[in-house]
Amino acid sequence: MRGGAAGNRSIVQGSSPIVLAHEVFHWWTHARLVKPEAKWFSEGFTNYYGIKAATRAGLITKGKAEECFADLSAEMRFLEKDGVQSLRLSSRRYAKESRSQRLVYSKGTLLALSLEREIMEMGGSMDTVLKRILSARRTGLSNEDLQTFFEKELGKALAKRLGEFLTTPKPLPDLGLPPANGNSGCARFLPKRLQ
């Protein structure tokens, strides 16, 4: 375990600014926010925003963030080489299976990155969706609830795309990331050639 958050307090082992930012972001994406079926959101999107926040704060460089995303992509591809898994299924198996747990982090993070890029192309920001989701004291959000928030803010096409990765064992598209080097500390399961 690298860290943990509860309420407005966090415990972080080590000095990684990405882990610190991730745990602080959990003050908003707390355990009660989503149902277990949406663990991909509370961990994957938190991981994405942890990397984004650490970069914006100048704690890591954009290059380090790209390295992190590249390692997470290599981890996701490695874990899905024998079968692609939907994020809903990964979320359901999160507590029982290390493969699914890491897919919640890696695939969830990369889904956030992919959606953010699409939203930016449309002239928007995923921050608006996150603000809507996190602005009230919500609990027990389902996958359908989260899709509804995305649809209200960004339209049916993007909500449908989100839904495809939640319910269908569909691989994420190539995000044009640099080659992974395994040195970012962001991924745990990588092909042996990177370890």
N, C-alpha and C. Protein backbone atom coordinates (compact mmCIF):
# COMPACT_ATOMS: atom_id res chain seq x y z
N MET A 1 0.85 -1.18 0.00
CA MET A 1 0.00 0.00 0.00
C MET A 1 0.89 1.24 0.00
N ARG A 2 0.58 2.17 -0.87
CA ARG A 2 1.38 3.40 -0.97
C ARG A 2 0.78 4.55 -0.17
N GLY A 3 -0.52 4.47 0.06
CA GLY A 3 -1.16 5.56 0.79
C GLY A 3 -2.62 5.26 1.02
N GLY A 4 -3.26 6.14 1.75
CA GLY A 4 -4.68 6.00 2.02
C GLY A 4 -5.26 7.33 2.42
N ALA A 5 -6.54 7.51 2.17
CA ALA A 5 -7.20 8.76 2.51
C ALA A 5 -8.54 8.46 3.16
N ALA A 6 -8.87 9.27 4.13
CA ALA A 6 -10.17 9.17 4.79
C ALA A 6 -10.58 10.57 5.21
N GLY A 7 -11.75 10.98 4.78
CA GLY A 7 -12.21 12.32 5.13
C GLY A 7 -11.28 13.35 4.55
N ASN A 8 -10.69 14.17 5.39
CA ASN A 8 -9.76 15.19 4.89
C ASN A 8 -8.34 14.94 5.40
N ARG A 9 -8.02 13.68 5.60
CA ARG A 9 -6.67 13.29 6.03
C ARG A 9 -6.14 12.21 5.11
N SER A 10 -4.84 12.24 4.87
CA SER A 10 -4.20 11.25 4.02
C SER A 10 -2.94 10.74 4.69
N ILE A 11 -2.63 9.48 4.40
CA ILE A 11 -1.37 8.88 4.82
C ILE A 11 -0.67 8.44 3.54
N VAL A 12 0.58 8.85 3.39
CA VAL A 12 1.33 8.50 2.19
C VAL A 12 2.67 7.94 2.62
N GLN A 13 3.01 6.77 2.08
CA GLN A 13 4.31 6.18 2.33
C GLN A 13 5.23 6.60 1.18
N GLY A 14 6.37 7.11 1.50
CA GLY A 14 7.29 7.57 0.48
C GLY A 14 7.04 9.03 0.15
N SER A 15 7.77 9.51 -0.84
CA SER A 15 7.70 10.95 -1.13
C SER A 15 7.18 11.25 -2.53
N SER A 16 6.47 10.34 -3.13
CA SER A 16 5.98 10.55 -4.49
C SER A 16 4.90 11.63 -4.53
N PRO A 17 5.13 12.71 -5.30
CA PRO A 17 4.11 13.75 -5.40
C PRO A 17 2.84 13.25 -6.08
N ILE A 18 2.98 12.25 -6.95
CA ILE A 18 1.80 11.70 -7.64
C ILE A 18 0.93 10.95 -6.63
N VAL A 19 1.54 10.16 -5.78
CA VAL A 19 0.78 9.43 -4.76
C VAL A 19 0.13 10.42 -3.79
N LEU A 20 0.87 11.42 -3.37
CA LEU A 20 0.31 12.44 -2.48
C LEU A 20 -0.90 13.12 -3.11
N ALA A 21 -0.75 13.55 -4.37
CA ALA A 21 -1.86 14.22 -5.06
C ALA A 21 -3.06 13.28 -5.22
N HIS A 22 -2.78 12.01 -5.51
CA HIS A 22 -3.85 11.00 -5.63
C HIS A 22 -4.62 10.90 -4.31
N GLU A 23 -3.89 10.75 -3.23
CA GLU A 23 -4.56 10.58 -1.92
C GLU A 23 -5.32 11.84 -1.51
N VAL A 24 -4.78 12.99 -1.78
CA VAL A 24 -5.50 14.23 -1.46
C VAL A 24 -6.78 14.33 -2.30
N PHE A 25 -6.70 13.93 -3.57
CA PHE A 25 -7.90 13.97 -4.42
C PHE A 25 -8.99 13.03 -3.91
N HIS A 26 -8.58 11.99 -3.18
CA HIS A 26 -9.57 11.09 -2.57
C HIS A 26 -10.41 11.80 -1.50
N TRP A 27 -10.01 12.98 -1.08
CA TRP A 27 -10.87 13.71 -0.15
C TRP A 27 -12.21 13.99 -0.82
N TRP A 28 -12.21 14.09 -2.15
CA TRP A 28 -13.46 14.30 -2.90
C TRP A 28 -14.01 13.00 -3.46
N THR A 29 -13.12 12.10 -3.90
CA THR A 29 -13.57 10.83 -4.47
C THR A 29 -13.48 9.73 -3.41
N HIS A 30 -14.10 9.95 -2.30
CA HIS A 30 -14.05 9.05 -1.15
C HIS A 30 -14.77 7.73 -1.44
N ALA A 31 -14.59 6.77 -0.55
CA ALA A 31 -15.12 5.42 -0.74
C ALA A 31 -16.64 5.37 -0.88
N ARG A 32 -17.35 6.29 -0.28
CA ARG A 32 -18.82 6.26 -0.34
C ARG A 32 -19.38 6.94 -1.59
N LEU A 33 -18.52 7.61 -2.36
CA LEU A 33 -18.99 8.35 -3.53
C LEU A 33 -19.62 7.44 -4.57
N VAL A 34 -19.00 6.30 -4.84
CA VAL A 34 -19.50 5.41 -5.88
C VAL A 34 -19.80 4.03 -5.33
N LYS A 35 -20.63 3.31 -6.06
CA LYS A 35 -20.87 1.90 -5.76
C LYS A 35 -19.64 1.11 -6.19
N PRO A 36 -19.49 -0.11 -5.66
CA PRO A 36 -18.33 -0.92 -6.04
C PRO A 36 -18.20 -1.13 -7.56
N GLU A 37 -19.30 -1.12 -8.28
CA GLU A 37 -19.25 -1.30 -9.74
C GLU A 37 -18.54 -0.15 -10.45
N ALA A 38 -18.35 0.96 -9.75
CA ALA A 38 -17.72 2.14 -10.35
C ALA A 38 -16.37 2.46 -9.69
N LYS A 39 -15.71 1.44 -9.20
CA LYS A 39 -14.38 1.62 -8.59
C LYS A 39 -13.40 2.23 -9.60
N TRP A 40 -13.60 1.96 -10.89
CA TRP A 40 -12.77 2.53 -11.95
C TRP A 40 -12.74 4.05 -11.87
N PHE A 41 -13.86 4.65 -11.44
CA PHE A 41 -13.92 6.10 -11.33
C PHE A 41 -13.17 6.58 -10.10
N SER A 42 -13.46 5.98 -8.95
CA SER A 42 -12.84 6.47 -7.71
C SER A 42 -11.34 6.23 -7.68
N GLU A 43 -10.84 5.22 -8.38
CA GLU A 43 -9.39 5.00 -8.40
C GLU A 43 -8.74 5.47 -9.71
N GLY A 44 -9.33 5.11 -10.84
CA GLY A 44 -8.74 5.49 -12.13
C GLY A 44 -8.75 6.98 -12.38
N PHE A 45 -9.91 7.61 -12.19
CA PHE A 45 -9.99 9.06 -12.43
C PHE A 45 -9.23 9.82 -11.35
N THR A 46 -9.20 9.29 -10.13
CA THR A 46 -8.39 9.91 -9.08
C THR A 46 -6.92 9.82 -9.43
N ASN A 47 -6.51 8.70 -9.99
CA ASN A 47 -5.12 8.55 -10.41
C ASN A 47 -4.79 9.55 -11.51
N TYR A 48 -5.70 9.70 -12.47
CA TYR A 48 -5.49 10.67 -13.54
C TYR A 48 -5.36 12.08 -12.97
N TYR A 49 -6.28 12.44 -12.09
CA TYR A 49 -6.24 13.79 -11.52
C TYR A 49 -5.06 13.99 -10.57
N GLY A 50 -4.59 12.92 -9.96
CA GLY A 50 -3.37 13.01 -9.15
C GLY A 50 -2.17 13.39 -10.01
N ILE A 51 -2.05 12.74 -11.16
CA ILE A 51 -0.96 13.05 -12.09
C ILE A 51 -1.13 14.47 -12.63
N LYS A 52 -2.35 14.81 -13.00
CA LYS A 52 -2.64 16.15 -13.54
C LYS A 52 -2.36 17.24 -12.49
N ALA A 53 -2.78 17.02 -11.25
CA ALA A 53 -2.57 18.01 -10.19
C ALA A 53 -1.09 18.16 -9.86
N ALA A 54 -0.37 17.04 -9.80
CA ALA A 54 1.07 17.11 -9.51
C ALA A 54 1.80 17.86 -10.62
N THR A 55 1.35 17.71 -11.86
CA THR A 55 1.95 18.43 -12.99
C THR A 55 1.62 19.91 -12.92
N ARG A 56 0.35 20.23 -12.70
CA ARG A 56 -0.08 21.64 -12.62
C ARG A 56 0.62 22.38 -11.48
N ALA A 57 0.87 21.67 -10.39
CA ALA A 57 1.52 22.30 -9.23
C ALA A 57 3.03 22.40 -9.40
N GLY A 58 3.55 21.86 -10.49
CA GLY A 58 4.98 21.92 -10.74
C GLY A 58 5.77 20.91 -9.93
N LEU A 59 5.11 19.92 -9.35
CA LEU A 59 5.79 18.90 -8.56
C LEU A 59 6.44 17.85 -9.44
N ILE A 60 5.88 17.65 -10.64
CA ILE A 60 6.50 16.78 -11.64
C ILE A 60 6.44 17.52 -12.98
N THR A 61 7.30 17.11 -13.89
CA THR A 61 7.30 17.73 -15.22
C THR A 61 6.26 17.07 -16.11
N LYS A 62 5.94 17.72 -17.22
CA LYS A 62 5.04 17.10 -18.19
C LYS A 62 5.64 15.81 -18.73
N GLY A 63 6.97 15.79 -18.86
CA GLY A 63 7.66 14.58 -19.30
C GLY A 63 7.47 13.42 -18.34
N LYS A 64 7.54 13.71 -17.03
CA LYS A 64 7.33 12.68 -16.01
C LYS A 64 5.88 12.19 -16.06
N ALA A 65 4.94 13.09 -16.28
CA ALA A 65 3.53 12.69 -16.41
C ALA A 65 3.35 11.77 -17.61
N GLU A 66 3.96 12.13 -18.75
CA GLU A 66 3.88 11.29 -19.96
C GLU A 66 4.50 9.92 -19.70
N GLU A 67 5.61 9.91 -18.97
CA GLU A 67 6.28 8.65 -18.61
C GLU A 67 5.34 7.79 -17.77
N CYS A 68 4.64 8.43 -16.86
CA CYS A 68 3.68 7.74 -16.00
C CYS A 68 2.55 7.12 -16.84
N PHE A 69 1.98 7.93 -17.73
CA PHE A 69 0.91 7.43 -18.61
C PHE A 69 1.41 6.29 -19.49
N ALA A 70 2.64 6.41 -19.99
CA ALA A 70 3.21 5.36 -20.85
C ALA A 70 3.37 4.05 -20.08
N ASP A 71 3.85 4.13 -18.84
CA ASP A 71 4.00 2.92 -18.03
C ASP A 71 2.63 2.32 -17.69
N LEU A 72 1.65 3.16 -17.41
CA LEU A 72 0.30 2.65 -17.14
C LEU A 72 -0.29 1.98 -18.38
N SER A 73 0.00 2.53 -19.55
CA SER A 73 -0.47 1.93 -20.80
C SER A 73 0.18 0.56 -21.01
N ALA A 74 1.48 0.47 -20.76
CA ALA A 74 2.17 -0.82 -20.89
C ALA A 74 1.60 -1.83 -19.91
N GLU A 75 1.31 -1.37 -18.69
CA GLU A 75 0.72 -2.26 -17.69
C GLU A 75 -0.64 -2.75 -18.15
N MET A 76 -1.48 -1.84 -18.63
CA MET A 76 -2.82 -2.21 -19.09
C MET A 76 -2.73 -3.23 -20.23
N ARG A 77 -1.90 -2.95 -21.23
CA ARG A 77 -1.76 -3.87 -22.38
C ARG A 77 -1.24 -5.23 -21.92
N PHE A 78 -0.29 -5.22 -20.99
CA PHE A 78 0.26 -6.47 -20.45
C PHE A 78 -0.83 -7.27 -19.73
N LEU A 79 -1.61 -6.61 -18.90
CA LEU A 79 -2.66 -7.29 -18.14
C LEU A 79 -3.80 -7.77 -19.02
N GLU A 80 -3.99 -7.13 -20.17
CA GLU A 80 -5.08 -7.53 -21.07
C GLU A 80 -4.61 -8.39 -22.24
N LYS A 81 -3.36 -8.81 -22.22
CA LYS A 81 -2.85 -9.58 -23.37
C LYS A 81 -3.57 -10.92 -23.53
N ASP A 82 -4.06 -11.49 -22.45
CA ASP A 82 -4.78 -12.76 -22.54
C ASP A 82 -6.29 -12.57 -22.46
N GLY A 83 -6.75 -11.36 -22.61
CA GLY A 83 -8.19 -11.09 -22.59
C GLY A 83 -8.49 -9.71 -22.06
N VAL A 84 -9.23 -8.96 -22.85
CA VAL A 84 -9.62 -7.59 -22.46
C VAL A 84 -10.77 -7.68 -21.46
N GLN A 85 -10.77 -6.77 -20.51
CA GLN A 85 -11.78 -6.77 -19.46
C GLN A 85 -12.49 -5.41 -19.43
N SER A 86 -13.80 -5.45 -19.26
CA SER A 86 -14.54 -4.19 -19.11
C SER A 86 -14.20 -3.58 -17.75
N LEU A 87 -14.37 -2.28 -17.65
CA LEU A 87 -14.09 -1.61 -16.38
C LEU A 87 -15.12 -1.99 -15.31
N ARG A 88 -16.33 -2.29 -15.72
CA ARG A 88 -17.34 -2.75 -14.74
C ARG A 88 -16.90 -4.07 -14.12
N LEU A 89 -16.44 -5.01 -14.95
CA LEU A 89 -15.99 -6.30 -14.44
C LEU A 89 -14.74 -6.12 -13.57
N SER A 90 -13.80 -5.31 -14.02
CA SER A 90 -12.60 -5.05 -13.22
C SER A 90 -12.97 -4.48 -11.85
N SER A 91 -13.95 -3.56 -11.85
CA SER A 91 -14.39 -2.96 -10.59
C SER A 91 -15.02 -4.00 -9.67
N ARG A 92 -15.81 -4.90 -10.23
CA ARG A 92 -16.46 -5.94 -9.42
C ARG A 92 -15.44 -6.89 -8.81
N ARG A 93 -14.36 -7.14 -9.54
CA ARG A 93 -13.34 -8.08 -9.08
C ARG A 93 -12.20 -7.40 -8.32
N TYR A 94 -12.31 -6.12 -8.12
CA TYR A 94 -11.24 -5.29 -7.54
C TYR A 94 -10.67 -5.87 -6.24
N ALA A 95 -11.51 -6.24 -5.32
CA ALA A 95 -11.05 -6.70 -4.01
C ALA A 95 -10.53 -8.13 -4.03
N LYS A 96 -10.82 -8.87 -5.09
CA LYS A 96 -10.48 -10.29 -5.10
C LYS A 96 -9.31 -10.65 -6.00
N GLU A 97 -8.94 -9.76 -6.91
CA GLU A 97 -7.98 -10.14 -7.93
C GLU A 97 -7.03 -8.98 -8.24
N SER A 98 -5.73 -9.22 -8.11
CA SER A 98 -4.76 -8.14 -8.33
C SER A 98 -4.78 -7.64 -9.78
N ARG A 99 -5.04 -8.52 -10.74
CA ARG A 99 -5.11 -8.09 -12.15
C ARG A 99 -6.21 -7.06 -12.33
N SER A 100 -7.37 -7.35 -11.80
CA SER A 100 -8.50 -6.42 -11.92
C SER A 100 -8.24 -5.14 -11.16
N GLN A 101 -7.61 -5.25 -10.00
CA GLN A 101 -7.30 -4.05 -9.22
C GLN A 101 -6.41 -3.11 -10.01
N ARG A 102 -5.36 -3.65 -10.62
CA ARG A 102 -4.46 -2.81 -11.40
C ARG A 102 -5.12 -2.29 -12.68
N LEU A 103 -6.05 -3.05 -13.27
CA LEU A 103 -6.77 -2.56 -14.44
C LEU A 103 -7.67 -1.37 -14.07
N VAL A 104 -8.24 -1.41 -12.88
CA VAL A 104 -9.04 -0.28 -12.41
C VAL A 104 -8.18 0.99 -12.41
N TYR A 105 -6.95 0.86 -11.94
CA TYR A 105 -6.04 2.01 -11.91
C TYR A 105 -5.55 2.38 -13.31
N SER A 106 -4.94 1.41 -14.01
CA SER A 106 -4.31 1.75 -15.30
C SER A 106 -5.33 2.07 -16.38
N LYS A 107 -6.30 1.21 -16.59
CA LYS A 107 -7.29 1.45 -17.65
C LYS A 107 -8.19 2.62 -17.28
N GLY A 108 -8.53 2.75 -16.00
CA GLY A 108 -9.34 3.89 -15.56
C GLY A 108 -8.63 5.21 -15.78
N THR A 109 -7.33 5.25 -15.47
CA THR A 109 -6.52 6.46 -15.68
C THR A 109 -6.46 6.82 -17.16
N LEU A 110 -6.20 5.82 -17.99
CA LEU A 110 -6.06 6.06 -19.43
C LEU A 110 -7.39 6.38 -20.09
N LEU A 111 -8.48 5.84 -19.56
CA LEU A 111 -9.80 6.24 -20.06
C LEU A 111 -10.02 7.72 -19.78
N ALA A 112 -9.66 8.16 -18.59
CA ALA A 112 -9.79 9.58 -18.25
C ALA A 112 -8.94 10.43 -19.20
N LEU A 113 -7.72 10.00 -19.47
CA LEU A 113 -6.85 10.74 -20.38
C LEU A 113 -7.46 10.79 -21.79
N SER A 114 -7.97 9.66 -22.26
CA SER A 114 -8.57 9.59 -23.59
C SER A 114 -9.79 10.51 -23.70
N LEU A 115 -10.66 10.45 -22.68
CA LEU A 115 -11.85 11.30 -22.68
C LEU A 115 -11.48 12.78 -22.59
N GLU A 116 -10.50 13.09 -21.75
CA GLU A 116 -10.05 14.48 -21.61
C GLU A 116 -9.57 15.02 -22.95
N ARG A 117 -8.83 14.23 -23.69
CA ARG A 117 -8.35 14.67 -25.00
C ARG A 117 -9.52 14.95 -25.95
N GLU A 118 -10.50 14.06 -25.95
CA GLU A 118 -11.67 14.26 -26.81
C GLU A 118 -12.45 15.51 -26.41
N ILE A 119 -12.61 15.69 -25.11
CA ILE A 119 -13.34 16.85 -24.60
C ILE A 119 -12.61 18.14 -24.97
N MET A 120 -11.29 18.13 -24.88
CA MET A 120 -10.51 19.31 -25.23
C MET A 120 -10.64 19.64 -26.72
N GLU A 121 -10.71 18.60 -27.55
CA GLU A 121 -10.92 18.82 -28.99
C GLU A 121 -12.26 19.51 -29.26
N MET A 122 -13.22 19.27 -28.37
CA MET A 122 -14.54 19.89 -28.50
C MET A 122 -14.56 21.27 -27.84
N GLY A 123 -13.42 21.70 -27.28
CA GLY A 123 -13.34 23.00 -26.65
C GLY A 123 -13.75 23.02 -25.19
N GLY A 124 -13.83 21.86 -24.58
CA GLY A 124 -14.24 21.79 -23.18
C GLY A 124 -13.16 21.23 -22.29
N SER A 125 -13.54 20.87 -21.07
CA SER A 125 -12.62 20.29 -20.11
C SER A 125 -13.38 19.29 -19.24
N MET A 126 -12.73 18.20 -18.92
CA MET A 126 -13.37 17.22 -18.05
C MET A 126 -13.57 17.80 -16.65
N ASP A 127 -12.83 18.85 -16.33
CA ASP A 127 -12.99 19.49 -15.02
C ASP A 127 -14.44 19.88 -14.76
N THR A 128 -15.16 20.31 -15.80
CA THR A 128 -16.56 20.72 -15.61
C THR A 128 -17.43 19.54 -15.18
N VAL A 129 -17.16 18.36 -15.76
CA VAL A 129 -17.92 17.17 -15.37
C VAL A 129 -17.58 16.78 -13.94
N LEU A 130 -16.29 16.78 -13.63
CA LEU A 130 -15.86 16.41 -12.27
C LEU A 130 -16.43 17.37 -11.24
N LYS A 131 -16.44 18.64 -11.54
CA LYS A 131 -17.01 19.61 -10.60
C LYS A 131 -18.48 19.32 -10.34
N ARG A 132 -19.19 18.96 -11.39
CA ARG A 132 -20.62 18.63 -11.24
C ARG A 132 -20.81 17.38 -10.36
N ILE A 133 -19.99 16.39 -10.61
CA ILE A 133 -20.10 15.15 -9.84
C ILE A 133 -19.71 15.36 -8.38
N LEU A 134 -18.65 16.14 -8.16
CA LEU A 134 -18.08 16.26 -6.82
C LEU A 134 -18.61 17.45 -6.02
N SER A 135 -19.43 18.31 -6.65
CA SER A 135 -19.85 19.55 -5.99
C SER A 135 -20.86 19.35 -4.87
N ALA A 136 -21.59 18.28 -4.90
CA ALA A 136 -22.59 18.03 -3.85
C ALA A 136 -22.15 16.80 -3.06
N ARG A 137 -22.74 16.63 -1.94
CA ARG A 137 -22.39 15.48 -1.09
C ARG A 137 -23.14 14.24 -1.59
N ARG A 138 -22.65 13.70 -2.68
CA ARG A 138 -23.28 12.52 -3.27
C ARG A 138 -22.66 11.26 -2.71
N THR A 139 -23.45 10.18 -2.72
CA THR A 139 -22.96 8.87 -2.32
C THR A 139 -23.64 7.82 -3.21
N GLY A 140 -22.98 6.70 -3.34
CA GLY A 140 -23.56 5.56 -4.03
C GLY A 140 -23.83 5.74 -5.51
N LEU A 141 -22.99 6.52 -6.20
CA LEU A 141 -23.20 6.71 -7.63
C LEU A 141 -22.91 5.42 -8.39
N SER A 142 -23.79 5.10 -9.33
CA SER A 142 -23.62 3.91 -10.17
C SER A 142 -22.95 4.30 -11.48
N ASN A 143 -22.62 3.32 -12.28
CA ASN A 143 -22.08 3.59 -13.61
C ASN A 143 -23.07 4.42 -14.43
N GLU A 144 -24.35 4.11 -14.31
CA GLU A 144 -25.38 4.85 -15.05
C GLU A 144 -25.45 6.30 -14.59
N ASP A 145 -25.32 6.52 -13.29
CA ASP A 145 -25.31 7.90 -12.76
C ASP A 145 -24.14 8.69 -13.35
N LEU A 146 -22.97 8.07 -13.38
CA LEU A 146 -21.79 8.76 -13.91
C LEU A 146 -21.95 9.04 -15.40
N GLN A 147 -22.50 8.09 -16.15
CA GLN A 147 -22.76 8.31 -17.57
C GLN A 147 -23.73 9.47 -17.77
N THR A 148 -24.73 9.57 -16.90
CA THR A 148 -25.71 10.65 -16.99
C THR A 148 -25.03 12.00 -16.80
N PHE A 149 -24.12 12.11 -15.85
CA PHE A 149 -23.38 13.36 -15.65
C PHE A 149 -22.59 13.72 -16.90
N PHE A 150 -21.90 12.72 -17.47
CA PHE A 150 -21.13 12.97 -18.69
C PHE A 150 -22.05 13.40 -19.83
N GLU A 151 -23.19 12.74 -19.94
CA GLU A 151 -24.13 13.08 -21.02
C GLU A 151 -24.68 14.49 -20.87
N LYS A 152 -25.05 14.88 -19.66
CA LYS A 152 -25.59 16.23 -19.44
C LYS A 152 -24.57 17.30 -19.77
N GLU A 153 -23.30 17.04 -19.44
CA GLU A 153 -22.26 18.04 -19.65
C GLU A 153 -21.66 18.00 -21.05
N LEU A 154 -21.59 16.81 -21.65
CA LEU A 154 -20.80 16.67 -22.87
C LEU A 154 -21.52 16.04 -24.05
N GLY A 155 -22.74 15.57 -23.84
CA GLY A 155 -23.51 15.02 -24.94
C GLY A 155 -23.53 13.50 -24.97
N LYS A 156 -24.45 12.98 -25.76
CA LYS A 156 -24.68 11.53 -25.83
C LYS A 156 -23.52 10.76 -26.41
N ALA A 157 -22.85 11.32 -27.39
CA ALA A 157 -21.77 10.58 -28.06
C ALA A 157 -20.66 10.21 -27.08
N LEU A 158 -20.26 11.16 -26.27
CA LEU A 158 -19.17 10.89 -25.33
C LEU A 158 -19.64 9.97 -24.20
N ALA A 159 -20.87 10.13 -23.75
CA ALA A 159 -21.41 9.25 -22.72
C ALA A 159 -21.51 7.82 -23.25
N LYS A 160 -21.88 7.69 -24.52
CA LYS A 160 -21.96 6.36 -25.14
C LYS A 160 -20.57 5.73 -25.21
N ARG A 161 -19.58 6.53 -25.57
CA ARG A 161 -18.20 6.04 -25.65
C ARG A 161 -17.73 5.58 -24.27
N LEU A 162 -18.02 6.36 -23.25
CA LEU A 162 -17.68 5.97 -21.88
C LEU A 162 -18.35 4.64 -21.55
N GLY A 163 -19.64 4.52 -21.87
CA GLY A 163 -20.39 3.31 -21.59
C GLY A 163 -19.82 2.07 -22.25
N GLU A 164 -19.27 2.24 -23.44
CA GLU A 164 -18.67 1.10 -24.15
C GLU A 164 -17.53 0.49 -23.36
N PHE A 165 -16.68 1.31 -22.78
CA PHE A 165 -15.54 0.79 -22.02
C PHE A 165 -15.97 0.27 -20.65
N LEU A 166 -17.09 0.76 -20.16
CA LEU A 166 -17.58 0.27 -18.87
C LEU A 166 -18.18 -1.11 -18.99
N THR A 167 -18.95 -1.33 -20.04
CA THR A 167 -19.74 -2.56 -20.14
C THR A 167 -19.17 -3.60 -21.10
N THR A 168 -18.33 -3.19 -22.03
CA THR A 168 -17.83 -4.09 -23.07
C THR A 168 -16.35 -4.35 -22.86
N PRO A 169 -15.92 -5.60 -23.02
CA PRO A 169 -14.48 -5.86 -22.95
C PRO A 169 -13.82 -5.33 -24.22
N LYS A 170 -13.57 -4.04 -24.21
CA LYS A 170 -13.04 -3.33 -25.38
C LYS A 170 -11.70 -2.69 -25.02
N PRO A 171 -10.67 -2.91 -25.84
CA PRO A 171 -9.39 -2.26 -25.53
C PRO A 171 -9.45 -0.76 -25.80
N LEU A 172 -8.72 -0.01 -25.02
CA LEU A 172 -8.61 1.42 -25.27
C LEU A 172 -7.80 1.64 -26.54
N PRO A 173 -8.08 2.71 -27.26
CA PRO A 173 -7.29 2.99 -28.47
C PRO A 173 -5.87 3.40 -28.10
N ASP A 174 -5.00 3.34 -29.08
CA ASP A 174 -3.63 3.80 -28.90
C ASP A 174 -3.67 5.30 -28.61
N LEU A 175 -3.06 5.72 -27.55
CA LEU A 175 -3.09 7.13 -27.15
C LEU A 175 -1.85 7.90 -27.60
N GLY A 176 -1.01 7.27 -28.42
CA GLY A 176 0.17 7.96 -28.93
C GLY A 176 1.17 8.33 -27.86
N LEU A 177 1.26 7.52 -26.84
CA LEU A 177 2.20 7.78 -25.74
C LEU A 177 3.60 7.32 -26.12
N PRO A 178 4.62 7.90 -25.48
CA PRO A 178 5.99 7.43 -25.76
C PRO A 178 6.16 5.99 -25.27
N PRO A 179 7.22 5.32 -25.68
CA PRO A 179 7.45 3.96 -25.19
C PRO A 179 7.61 3.95 -23.67
N ALA A 180 7.08 2.92 -23.05
CA ALA A 180 7.22 2.78 -21.59
C ALA A 180 8.65 2.43 -21.25
N ASN A 181 9.10 2.90 -20.08
CA ASN A 181 10.44 2.52 -19.62
C ASN A 181 10.41 1.82 -18.27
N GLY A 182 9.26 1.80 -17.61
CA GLY A 182 9.13 1.11 -16.34
C GLY A 182 9.74 1.83 -15.16
N ASN A 183 10.14 3.08 -15.34
CA ASN A 183 10.82 3.82 -14.27
C ASN A 183 9.96 4.86 -13.57
N SER A 184 8.72 5.03 -13.97
CA SER A 184 7.90 6.11 -13.41
C SER A 184 7.41 5.82 -12.00
N GLY A 185 7.30 4.55 -11.64
CA GLY A 185 6.74 4.18 -10.34
C GLY A 185 5.23 4.18 -10.34
N CYS A 186 4.61 4.43 -11.49
CA CYS A 186 3.15 4.51 -11.57
C CYS A 186 2.49 3.17 -11.82
N ALA A 187 3.22 2.23 -12.43
CA ALA A 187 2.65 0.92 -12.77
C ALA A 187 3.35 -0.15 -11.94
N ARG A 188 2.64 -1.25 -11.72
CA ARG A 188 3.22 -2.33 -10.92
C ARG A 188 3.46 -3.59 -11.71
N PHE A 189 2.61 -3.88 -12.70
CA PHE A 189 2.76 -5.08 -13.50
C PHE A 189 3.16 -4.67 -14.91
N LEU A 190 4.38 -4.97 -15.27
CA LEU A 190 4.90 -4.59 -16.58
C LEU A 190 5.56 -5.80 -17.23
N PRO A 191 5.64 -5.79 -18.55
CA PRO A 191 6.37 -6.87 -19.22
C PRO A 191 7.79 -6.96 -18.66
N LYS A 192 8.33 -8.16 -18.60
CA LYS A 192 9.66 -8.37 -18.00
C LYS A 192 10.74 -7.52 -18.65
N ARG A 193 10.62 -7.24 -19.94
CA ARG A 193 11.65 -6.45 -20.61
C ARG A 193 11.73 -5.02 -20.08
N LEU A 194 10.68 -4.56 -19.38
CA LEU A 194 10.70 -3.20 -18.82
C LEU A 194 11.09 -3.20 -17.34
N GLN A 195 11.15 -4.38 -16.74
CA GLN A 195 11.41 -4.41 -15.30
C GLN A 195 12.90 -4.49 -15.00
